[in-house]
Amino acid sequence: MTSRREFITLLGGAAAWPLAAGAQQGERMRRIGVLMGVADDAEGQVRVKALQQGLQELGWIEGRNVRIDYRWTGGDAARIRTYAAELAKLSPDVIFGTNFQYLVYLHSLGAKPLGVDLSAAAVRDTGEIEAAMSELGSKLGAGLVVPPDAFTVIHHAMIIALAARHRLPAVYAYRSFVAEGGLMSYGPDISDIFRRTASYVDRILKGAKAADLPVEAPVKFELAINLKTATSLGLTVPEKLLATADEVIE
């Protein structure tokens, strides 16, 4: 067994590092460290279940031949560093984690006769979220694009509520936000990504080298629309758009 550390490539927002590359396949219990965002967040739980399902499909059963150590960071930079160090000290065969960003750009769209203006508001805390969305709400014909990020996931309930208060049509990356009152979401199928990511973990546990693993892009995308929210904003969603949606909440 070697102790050389190798970095594994990004997969649709998720990454993994082998901390004991080239381990021999055997009967011993293998160990995976998982570093993720918020434990009680719906998106976080969906990701964990999808990862576990993917591992099970490949023969890795938690408690039988693999142990998984979880650390939930809450999107806090200091906590991420602390927990990453904790997991490394456990000497796992693989550390798996989502990508983290600390400065979020809330993209605003202001309609003009001949096109659309795109501007970005940097937000670092709840006060800046409220200020940015209040300012955007004062502009005629404005809308909002909320990027996928640990910060926006943690504060998604506040963002959805402020969008409703300021009557801002908003598009999100995650389908679950629409179920909670967001207007619309379009983005990759997170469950599919995390199930597929399990194959990276599997290959590392079987001795694959990081440099040999390819970069993969999402292949499944979902569109969800909340008609209740559209009605509350005074919007009419075109029938053609509704027909293409994977989920419509009426």
C-alpha atoms as a PDB file:
ATOM      1  CA  MET A   1       0.000   0.000   0.000  1.00  0.00           C
ATOM      2  CA  THR A   2       1.317   3.446  -0.818  1.00  0.00           C
ATOM      3  CA  SER A   3       0.696   6.649   1.144  1.00  0.00           C
ATOM      4  CA  ARG A   4       1.028   9.028  -1.779  1.00  0.00           C
ATOM      5  CA  ARG A   5      -1.800  11.528  -1.913  1.00  0.00           C
ATOM      6  CA  GLU A   6      -3.447  12.221  -5.209  1.00  0.00           C
ATOM      7  CA  PHE A   7      -6.133  14.653  -6.203  1.00  0.00           C
ATOM      8  CA  ILE A   8      -9.217  13.432  -7.989  1.00  0.00           C
ATOM      9  CA  THR A   9     -10.998  15.531 -10.554  1.00  0.00           C
ATOM     10  CA  LEU A  10     -14.253  17.466 -10.324  1.00  0.00           C
ATOM     11  CA  LEU A  11     -17.558  15.794 -11.174  1.00  0.00           C
ATOM     12  CA  GLY A  12     -20.541  18.174 -11.594  1.00  0.00           C
ATOM     13  CA  GLY A  13     -19.857  20.028  -8.347  1.00  0.00           C
ATOM     14  CA  ALA A  14     -18.533  17.019  -6.367  1.00  0.00           C
ATOM     15  CA  ALA A  15     -14.934  15.914  -5.836  1.00  0.00           C
ATOM     16  CA  ALA A  16     -13.036  13.171  -4.078  1.00  0.00           C
ATOM     17  CA  TRP A  17      -9.444  12.670  -2.970  1.00  0.00           C
ATOM     18  CA  PRO A  18      -7.783   9.288  -2.453  1.00  0.00           C
ATOM     19  CA  LEU A  19      -5.723   9.487   0.726  1.00  0.00           C
ATOM     20  CA  ALA A  20      -4.489   5.932   0.377  1.00  0.00           C
ATOM     21  CA  ALA A  21      -4.182   5.416  -3.349  1.00  0.00           C
ATOM     22  CA  GLY A  22      -3.482   1.969  -4.688  1.00  0.00           C
ATOM     23  CA  ALA A  23      -4.985   0.106  -1.727  1.00  0.00           C
ATOM     24  CA  GLN A  24      -5.307  -3.632  -2.182  1.00  0.00           C
ATOM     25  CA  GLN A  25      -8.834  -4.925  -2.696  1.00  0.00           C
ATOM     26  CA  GLY A  26      -9.624  -7.196   0.266  1.00  0.00           C
ATOM     27  CA  GLU A  27     -11.983  -8.127   3.015  1.00  0.00           C
ATOM     28  CA  ARG A  28     -11.023  -5.324   5.398  1.00  0.00           C
ATOM     29  CA  MET A  29     -13.416  -2.496   6.148  1.00  0.00           C
ATOM     30  CA  ARG A  30     -12.739   0.429   3.824  1.00  0.00           C
ATOM     31  CA  ARG A  31     -13.199   4.016   5.008  1.00  0.00           C
ATOM     32  CA  ILE A  32     -14.698   7.024   3.237  1.00  0.00           C
ATOM     33  CA  GLY A  33     -14.743  10.580   4.594  1.00  0.00           C
ATOM     34  CA  VAL A  34     -17.620  12.795   3.428  1.00  0.00           C
ATOM     35  CA  LEU A  35     -17.484  16.596   3.741  1.00  0.00           C
ATOM     36  CA  MET A  36     -20.776  18.314   2.904  1.00  0.00           C
ATOM     37  CA  GLY A  37     -22.951  21.339   3.658  1.00  0.00           C
ATOM     38  CA  VAL A  38     -26.016  21.235   5.890  1.00  0.00           C
ATOM     39  CA  ALA A  39     -27.185  18.047   7.593  1.00  0.00           C
ATOM     40  CA  ASP A  40     -30.853  19.013   7.942  1.00  0.00           C
ATOM     41  CA  ASP A  41     -31.157  20.534   4.483  1.00  0.00           C
ATOM     42  CA  ALA A  42     -33.302  18.616   1.993  1.00  0.00           C
ATOM     43  CA  GLU A  43     -30.700  18.907  -0.759  1.00  0.00           C
ATOM     44  CA  GLY A  44     -27.959  17.593   1.504  1.00  0.00           C
ATOM     45  CA  GLN A  45     -29.992  14.541   2.459  1.00  0.00           C
ATOM     46  CA  VAL A  46     -30.891  13.848  -1.177  1.00  0.00           C
ATOM     47  CA  ARG A  47     -27.200  13.897  -2.069  1.00  0.00           C
ATOM     48  CA  VAL A  48     -26.192  11.569   0.745  1.00  0.00           C
ATOM     49  CA  LYS A  49     -28.905   9.043  -0.110  1.00  0.00           C
ATOM     50  CA  ALA A  50     -27.956   9.131  -3.781  1.00  0.00           C
ATOM     51  CA  LEU A  51     -24.280   8.583  -2.962  1.00  0.00           C
ATOM     52  CA  GLN A  52     -25.149   5.695  -0.643  1.00  0.00           C
ATOM     53  CA  GLN A  53     -27.399   4.173  -3.294  1.00  0.00           C
ATOM     54  CA  GLY A  54     -24.674   4.432  -5.908  1.00  0.00           C
ATOM     55  CA  LEU A  55     -22.154   2.787  -3.598  1.00  0.00           C
ATOM     56  CA  GLN A  56     -24.579  -0.028  -2.746  1.00  0.00           C
ATOM     57  CA  GLU A  57     -25.172  -0.712  -6.418  1.00  0.00           C
ATOM     58  CA  LEU A  58     -21.413  -1.172  -6.761  1.00  0.00           C
ATOM     59  CA  GLY A  59     -21.219  -3.543  -3.782  1.00  0.00           C
ATOM     60  CA  TRP A  60     -20.132  -1.102  -1.070  1.00  0.00           C
ATOM     61  CA  ILE A  61     -22.505  -1.562   1.865  1.00  0.00           C
ATOM     62  CA  GLU A  62     -22.157   0.813   4.810  1.00  0.00           C
ATOM     63  CA  GLY A  63     -21.425  -1.146   7.979  1.00  0.00           C
ATOM     64  CA  ARG A  64     -20.478  -4.282   6.049  1.00  0.00           C
ATOM     65  CA  ASN A  65     -17.435  -3.503   3.931  1.00  0.00           C
ATOM     66  CA  VAL A  66     -17.240   0.285   4.132  1.00  0.00           C
ATOM     67  CA  ARG A  67     -17.458   2.875   6.889  1.00  0.00           C
ATOM     68  CA  ILE A  68     -18.507   6.419   6.049  1.00  0.00           C
ATOM     69  CA  ASP A  69     -17.555   9.324   8.322  1.00  0.00           C
ATOM     70  CA  TYR A  70     -19.671  12.439   7.735  1.00  0.00           C
ATOM     71  CA  ARG A  71     -18.825  16.031   8.557  1.00  0.00           C
ATOM     72  CA  TRP A  72     -21.360  18.809   7.943  1.00  0.00           C
ATOM     73  CA  THR A  73     -19.875  22.266   7.511  1.00  0.00           C
ATOM     74  CA  GLY A  74     -22.864  24.571   7.250  1.00  0.00           C
ATOM     75  CA  GLY A  75     -20.965  26.375   4.503  1.00  0.00           C
ATOM     76  CA  ASP A  76     -18.658  27.947   7.098  1.00  0.00           C
ATOM     77  CA  ALA A  77     -15.096  28.391   5.794  1.00  0.00           C
ATOM     78  CA  ALA A  78     -13.406  27.853   9.173  1.00  0.00           C
ATOM     79  CA  ARG A  79     -15.487  24.750   9.849  1.00  0.00           C
ATOM     80  CA  ILE A  80     -14.634  23.359   6.408  1.00  0.00           C
ATOM     81  CA  ARG A  81     -10.907  23.633   7.155  1.00  0.00           C
ATOM     82  CA  THR A  82     -11.352  22.089  10.609  1.00  0.00           C
ATOM     83  CA  TYR A  83     -13.456  19.168   9.432  1.00  0.00           C
ATOM     84  CA  ALA A  84     -11.259  18.518   6.415  1.00  0.00           C
ATOM     85  CA  ALA A  85      -8.286  18.185   8.775  1.00  0.00           C
ATOM     86  CA  GLU A  86     -10.316  15.896  11.068  1.00  0.00           C
ATOM     87  CA  LEU A  87     -11.213  13.588   8.203  1.00  0.00           C
ATOM     88  CA  ALA A  88      -7.611  13.500   6.988  1.00  0.00           C
ATOM     89  CA  LYS A  89      -6.444  12.385  10.441  1.00  0.00           C
ATOM     90  CA  LEU A  90      -8.797   9.397  10.234  1.00  0.00           C
ATOM     91  CA  SER A  91      -6.671   8.113   7.307  1.00  0.00           C
ATOM     92  CA  PRO A  92      -9.629   7.200   5.082  1.00  0.00           C
ATOM     93  CA  ASP A  93      -9.153   5.546   1.723  1.00  0.00           C
ATOM     94  CA  VAL A  94     -11.108   8.371   0.088  1.00  0.00           C
ATOM     95  CA  ILE A  95     -12.360  11.806   1.085  1.00  0.00           C
ATOM     96  CA  PHE A  96     -15.438  12.910  -0.826  1.00  0.00           C
ATOM     97  CA  GLY A  97     -16.697  16.484  -0.739  1.00  0.00           C
ATOM     98  CA  THR A  98     -18.804  19.006  -2.554  1.00  0.00           C
ATOM     99  CA  ASN A  99     -17.313  22.186  -3.967  1.00  0.00           C
ATOM    100  CA  PHE A 100     -17.619  25.282  -1.784  1.00  0.00           C
ATOM    101  CA  GLN A 101     -17.849  28.977  -2.632  1.00  0.00           C
ATOM    102  CA  TYR A 102     -17.945  31.810  -0.159  1.00  0.00           C
ATOM    103  CA  LEU A 103     -18.791  34.822  -2.302  1.00  0.00           C
ATOM    104  CA  VAL A 104     -22.086  34.494  -4.198  1.00  0.00           C
ATOM    105  CA  TYR A 105     -23.255  36.485  -7.160  1.00  0.00           C
ATOM    106  CA  LEU A 106     -27.070  36.990  -7.229  1.00  0.00           C
ATOM    107  CA  HIS A 107     -27.621  37.733 -10.893  1.00  0.00           C
ATOM    108  CA  SER A 108     -30.323  40.250 -11.706  1.00  0.00           C
ATOM    109  CA  LEU A 109     -32.093  40.586 -15.014  1.00  0.00           C
ATOM    110  CA  GLY A 110     -33.591  43.935 -15.980  1.00  0.00           C
ATOM    111  CA  ALA A 111     -35.766  43.904 -19.079  1.00  0.00           C
ATOM    112  CA  LYS A 112     -35.045  46.493 -21.808  1.00  0.00           C
ATOM    113  CA  PRO A 113     -36.840  47.057 -25.111  1.00  0.00           C
ATOM    114  CA  LEU A 114     -34.029  45.486 -27.127  1.00  0.00           C
ATOM    115  CA  GLY A 115     -32.662  42.897 -24.739  1.00  0.00           C
ATOM    116  CA  VAL A 116     -31.702  42.011 -21.208  1.00  0.00           C
ATOM    117  CA  ASP A 117     -29.133  43.567 -18.897  1.00  0.00           C
ATOM    118  CA  LEU A 118     -27.259  41.230 -16.585  1.00  0.00           C
ATOM    119  CA  SER A 119     -25.781  42.519 -13.342  1.00  0.00           C
ATOM    120  CA  ALA A 120     -24.386  40.735 -10.300  1.00  0.00           C
ATOM    121  CA  ALA A 121     -24.695  41.513  -6.596  1.00  0.00           C
ATOM    122  CA  ALA A 122     -22.016  40.062  -4.312  1.00  0.00           C
ATOM    123  CA  VAL A 123     -23.510  38.840  -1.038  1.00  0.00           C
ATOM    124  CA  ARG A 124     -21.649  37.507   1.994  1.00  0.00           C
ATOM    125  CA  ASP A 125     -24.283  37.525   4.718  1.00  0.00           C
ATOM    126  CA  THR A 126     -28.033  37.837   5.280  1.00  0.00           C
ATOM    127  CA  GLY A 127     -27.860  41.629   5.494  1.00  0.00           C
ATOM    128  CA  GLU A 128     -26.340  41.837   2.029  1.00  0.00           C
ATOM    129  CA  ILE A 129     -28.924  39.410   0.655  1.00  0.00           C
ATOM    130  CA  GLU A 130     -31.755  41.592   1.939  1.00  0.00           C
ATOM    131  CA  ALA A 131     -30.171  44.808   0.675  1.00  0.00           C
ATOM    132  CA  ALA A 132     -29.461  43.373  -2.787  1.00  0.00           C
ATOM    133  CA  MET A 133     -32.951  41.966  -3.236  1.00  0.00           C
ATOM    134  CA  SER A 134     -34.606  45.117  -1.912  1.00  0.00           C
ATOM    135  CA  GLU A 135     -32.698  47.202  -4.440  1.00  0.00           C
ATOM    136  CA  LEU A 136     -33.524  44.786  -7.235  1.00  0.00           C
ATOM    137  CA  GLY A 137     -37.191  44.811  -6.253  1.00  0.00           C
ATOM    138  CA  SER A 138     -37.345  48.549  -6.821  1.00  0.00           C
ATOM    139  CA  LYS A 139     -36.418  48.139 -10.495  1.00  0.00           C
ATOM    140  CA  LEU A 140     -39.119  47.756 -13.108  1.00  0.00           C
ATOM    141  CA  GLY A 141     -39.175  44.443 -14.943  1.00  0.00           C
ATOM    142  CA  ALA A 142     -36.389  42.890 -12.882  1.00  0.00           C
ATOM    143  CA  GLY A 143     -35.860  39.200 -12.212  1.00  0.00           C
ATOM    144  CA  LEU A 144     -33.357  37.086 -10.336  1.00  0.00           C
ATOM    145  CA  VAL A 145     -31.108  34.105 -11.050  1.00  0.00           C
ATOM    146  CA  VAL A 146     -29.870  32.369  -7.897  1.00  0.00           C
ATOM    147  CA  PRO A 147     -26.701  30.302  -8.545  1.00  0.00           C
ATOM    148  CA  PRO A 148     -26.062  26.899  -6.974  1.00  0.00           C
ATOM    149  CA  ASP A 149     -23.865  27.398  -3.938  1.00  0.00           C
ATOM    150  CA  ALA A 150     -23.547  26.269  -0.309  1.00  0.00           C
ATOM    151  CA  PHE A 151     -24.390  29.826   0.761  1.00  0.00           C
ATOM    152  CA  THR A 152     -27.598  30.042  -1.263  1.00  0.00           C
ATOM    153  CA  VAL A 153     -28.628  26.556  -0.146  1.00  0.00           C
ATOM    154  CA  ILE A 154     -28.249  27.522   3.501  1.00  0.00           C
ATOM    155  CA  HIS A 155     -30.189  30.764   3.010  1.00  0.00           C
ATOM    156  CA  HIS A 156     -32.655  29.558   0.373  1.00  0.00           C
ATOM    157  CA  ALA A 157     -35.742  30.009   2.580  1.00  0.00           C
ATOM    158  CA  MET A 158     -34.834  33.660   3.126  1.00  0.00           C
ATOM    159  CA  ILE A 159     -34.156  34.217  -0.580  1.00  0.00           C
ATOM    160  CA  ILE A 160     -37.488  32.632  -1.568  1.00  0.00           C
ATOM    161  CA  ALA A 161     -39.352  34.758   0.996  1.00  0.00           C
ATOM    162  CA  LEU A 162     -37.641  37.980  -0.129  1.00  0.00           C
ATOM    163  CA  ALA A 163     -38.377  37.182  -3.783  1.00  0.00           C
ATOM    164  CA  ALA A 164     -42.064  36.882  -2.882  1.00  0.00           C
ATOM    165  CA  ARG A 165     -42.020  40.059  -0.782  1.00  0.00           C
ATOM    166  CA  HIS A 166     -40.369  42.118  -3.521  1.00  0.00           C
ATOM    167  CA  ARG A 167     -42.372  40.381  -6.267  1.00  0.00           C
ATOM    168  CA  LEU A 168     -39.254  39.182  -8.057  1.00  0.00           C
ATOM    169  CA  PRO A 169     -39.498  36.328 -10.566  1.00  0.00           C
ATOM    170  CA  ALA A 170     -36.586  34.089  -9.616  1.00  0.00           C
ATOM    171  CA  VAL A 171     -34.934  31.060 -11.192  1.00  0.00           C
ATOM    172  CA  TYR A 172     -33.060  28.604  -8.990  1.00  0.00           C
ATOM    173  CA  ALA A 173     -30.725  25.693  -9.653  1.00  0.00           C
ATOM    174  CA  TYR A 174     -32.459  23.151  -7.442  1.00  0.00           C
ATOM    175  CA  ARG A 175     -35.852  21.549  -7.894  1.00  0.00           C
ATOM    176  CA  SER A 176     -36.474  21.409  -4.132  1.00  0.00           C
ATOM    177  CA  PHE A 177     -36.534  25.219  -3.949  1.00  0.00           C
ATOM    178  CA  VAL A 178     -39.601  25.267  -6.194  1.00  0.00           C
ATOM    179  CA  ALA A 179     -41.418  22.888  -3.868  1.00  0.00           C
ATOM    180  CA  GLU A 180     -40.790  25.431  -1.096  1.00  0.00           C
ATOM    181  CA  GLY A 181     -42.278  28.339  -3.027  1.00  0.00           C
ATOM    182  CA  GLY A 182     -39.659  29.323  -5.581  1.00  0.00           C
ATOM    183  CA  LEU A 183     -40.991  30.240  -9.016  1.00  0.00           C
ATOM    184  CA  MET A 184     -38.841  28.084 -11.277  1.00  0.00           C
ATOM    185  CA  SER A 185     -35.733  25.928 -11.307  1.00  0.00           C
ATOM    186  CA  TYR A 186     -33.532  24.592 -14.052  1.00  0.00           C
ATOM    187  CA  GLY A 187     -30.434  22.588 -13.336  1.00  0.00           C
ATOM    188  CA  PRO A 188     -28.787  19.190 -13.289  1.00  0.00           C
ATOM    189  CA  ASP A 189     -30.386  16.227 -11.559  1.00  0.00           C
ATOM    190  CA  ILE A 190     -28.417  16.241  -8.293  1.00  0.00           C
ATOM    191  CA  SER A 191     -29.377  12.688  -7.361  1.00  0.00           C
ATOM    192  CA  ASP A 192     -28.082  11.430 -10.695  1.00  0.00           C
ATOM    193  CA  ILE A 193     -24.786  13.277 -10.242  1.00  0.00           C
ATOM    194  CA  PHE A 194     -24.158  11.837  -6.786  1.00  0.00           C
ATOM    195  CA  ARG A 195     -25.119   8.306  -7.822  1.00  0.00           C
ATOM    196  CA  ARG A 196     -22.677   8.543 -10.719  1.00  0.00           C
ATOM    197  CA  THR A 197     -19.984  10.014  -8.476  1.00  0.00           C
ATOM    198  CA  ALA A 198     -20.054   6.789  -6.475  1.00  0.00           C
ATOM    199  CA  SER A 199     -18.322   5.154  -9.440  1.00  0.00           C
ATOM    200  CA  TYR A 200     -15.326   7.453  -8.871  1.00  0.00           C
ATOM    201  CA  VAL A 201     -15.136   6.363  -5.239  1.00  0.00           C
ATOM    202  CA  ASP A 202     -15.470   2.724  -6.316  1.00  0.00           C
ATOM    203  CA  ARG A 203     -12.634   2.990  -8.800  1.00  0.00           C
ATOM    204  CA  ILE A 204     -10.353   4.666  -6.256  1.00  0.00           C
ATOM    205  CA  LEU A 205     -11.109   2.005  -3.660  1.00  0.00           C
ATOM    206  CA  LYS A 206     -10.123  -0.576  -6.270  1.00  0.00           C
ATOM    207  CA  GLY A 207      -6.801   1.140  -6.923  1.00  0.00           C
ATOM    208  CA  ALA A 208      -7.505   3.470  -9.852  1.00  0.00           C
ATOM    209  CA  LYS A 209      -5.169   6.421 -10.306  1.00  0.00           C
ATOM    210  CA  ALA A 210      -6.654   9.900 -10.155  1.00  0.00           C
ATOM    211  CA  ALA A 211      -4.962  10.953 -13.372  1.00  0.00           C
ATOM    212  CA  ASP A 212      -6.727   8.152 -15.243  1.00  0.00           C
ATOM    213  CA  LEU A 213     -10.239   9.211 -14.242  1.00  0.00           C
ATOM    214  CA  PRO A 214     -12.025  11.433 -16.780  1.00  0.00           C
ATOM    215  CA  VAL A 215     -13.950  14.626 -16.151  1.00  0.00           C
ATOM    216  CA  GLU A 216     -17.681  14.035 -16.539  1.00  0.00           C
ATOM    217  CA  ALA A 217     -20.435  16.575 -17.066  1.00  0.00           C
ATOM    218  CA  PRO A 218     -24.083  16.334 -15.938  1.00  0.00           C
ATOM    219  CA  VAL A 219     -26.271  14.524 -18.443  1.00  0.00           C
ATOM    220  CA  LYS A 220     -29.732  14.987 -16.898  1.00  0.00           C
ATOM    221  CA  PHE A 221     -31.338  18.391 -16.381  1.00  0.00           C
ATOM    222  CA  GLU A 222     -34.666  19.226 -14.769  1.00  0.00           C
ATOM    223  CA  LEU A 223     -37.161  22.054 -15.181  1.00  0.00           C
ATOM    224  CA  ALA A 224     -39.673  22.687 -12.388  1.00  0.00           C
ATOM    225  CA  ILE A 225     -42.340  25.408 -12.246  1.00  0.00           C
ATOM    226  CA  ASN A 226     -44.549  26.545  -9.363  1.00  0.00           C
ATOM    227  CA  LEU A 227     -47.801  27.868 -10.830  1.00  0.00           C
ATOM    228  CA  LYS A 228     -48.999  29.082  -7.423  1.00  0.00           C
ATOM    229  CA  THR A 229     -45.995  31.352  -7.186  1.00  0.00           C
ATOM    230  CA  ALA A 230     -46.439  32.493 -10.775  1.00  0.00           C
ATOM    231  CA  THR A 231     -50.037  33.472 -10.037  1.00  0.00           C
ATOM    232  CA  SER A 232     -49.027  35.376  -6.912  1.00  0.00           C
ATOM    233  CA  LEU A 233     -46.533  37.338  -9.022  1.00  0.00           C
ATOM    234  CA  GLY A 234     -49.132  38.048 -11.708  1.00  0.00           C
ATOM    235  CA  LEU A 235     -47.305  35.945 -14.291  1.00  0.00           C
ATOM    236  CA  THR A 236     -48.726  33.693 -16.981  1.00  0.00           C
ATOM    237  CA  VAL A 237     -46.484  30.759 -17.829  1.00  0.00           C
ATOM    238  CA  PRO A 238     -46.629  29.834 -21.542  1.00  0.00           C
ATOM    239  CA  GLU A 239     -48.200  26.460 -22.262  1.00  0.00           C
ATOM    240  CA  LYS A 240     -45.189  25.401 -24.337  1.00  0.00           C
ATOM    241  CA  LEU A 241     -42.926  25.965 -21.340  1.00  0.00           C
ATOM    242  CA  LEU A 242     -45.276  24.039 -19.047  1.00  0.00           C
ATOM    243  CA  ALA A 243     -45.284  21.152 -21.502  1.00  0.00           C
ATOM    244  CA  THR A 244     -41.508  20.818 -21.260  1.00  0.00           C
ATOM    245  CA  ALA A 245     -41.378  20.908 -17.445  1.00  0.00           C
ATOM    246  CA  ASP A 246     -40.443  17.813 -15.468  1.00  0.00           C
ATOM    247  CA  GLU A 247     -42.607  18.994 -12.570  1.00  0.00           C
ATOM    248  CA  VAL A 248     -45.417  21.542 -12.333  1.00  0.00           C
ATOM    249  CA  ILE A 249     -46.807  22.531  -8.947  1.00  0.00           C
ATOM    250  CA  GLU A 250     -50.379  23.769  -9.248  1.00  0.00           C
END
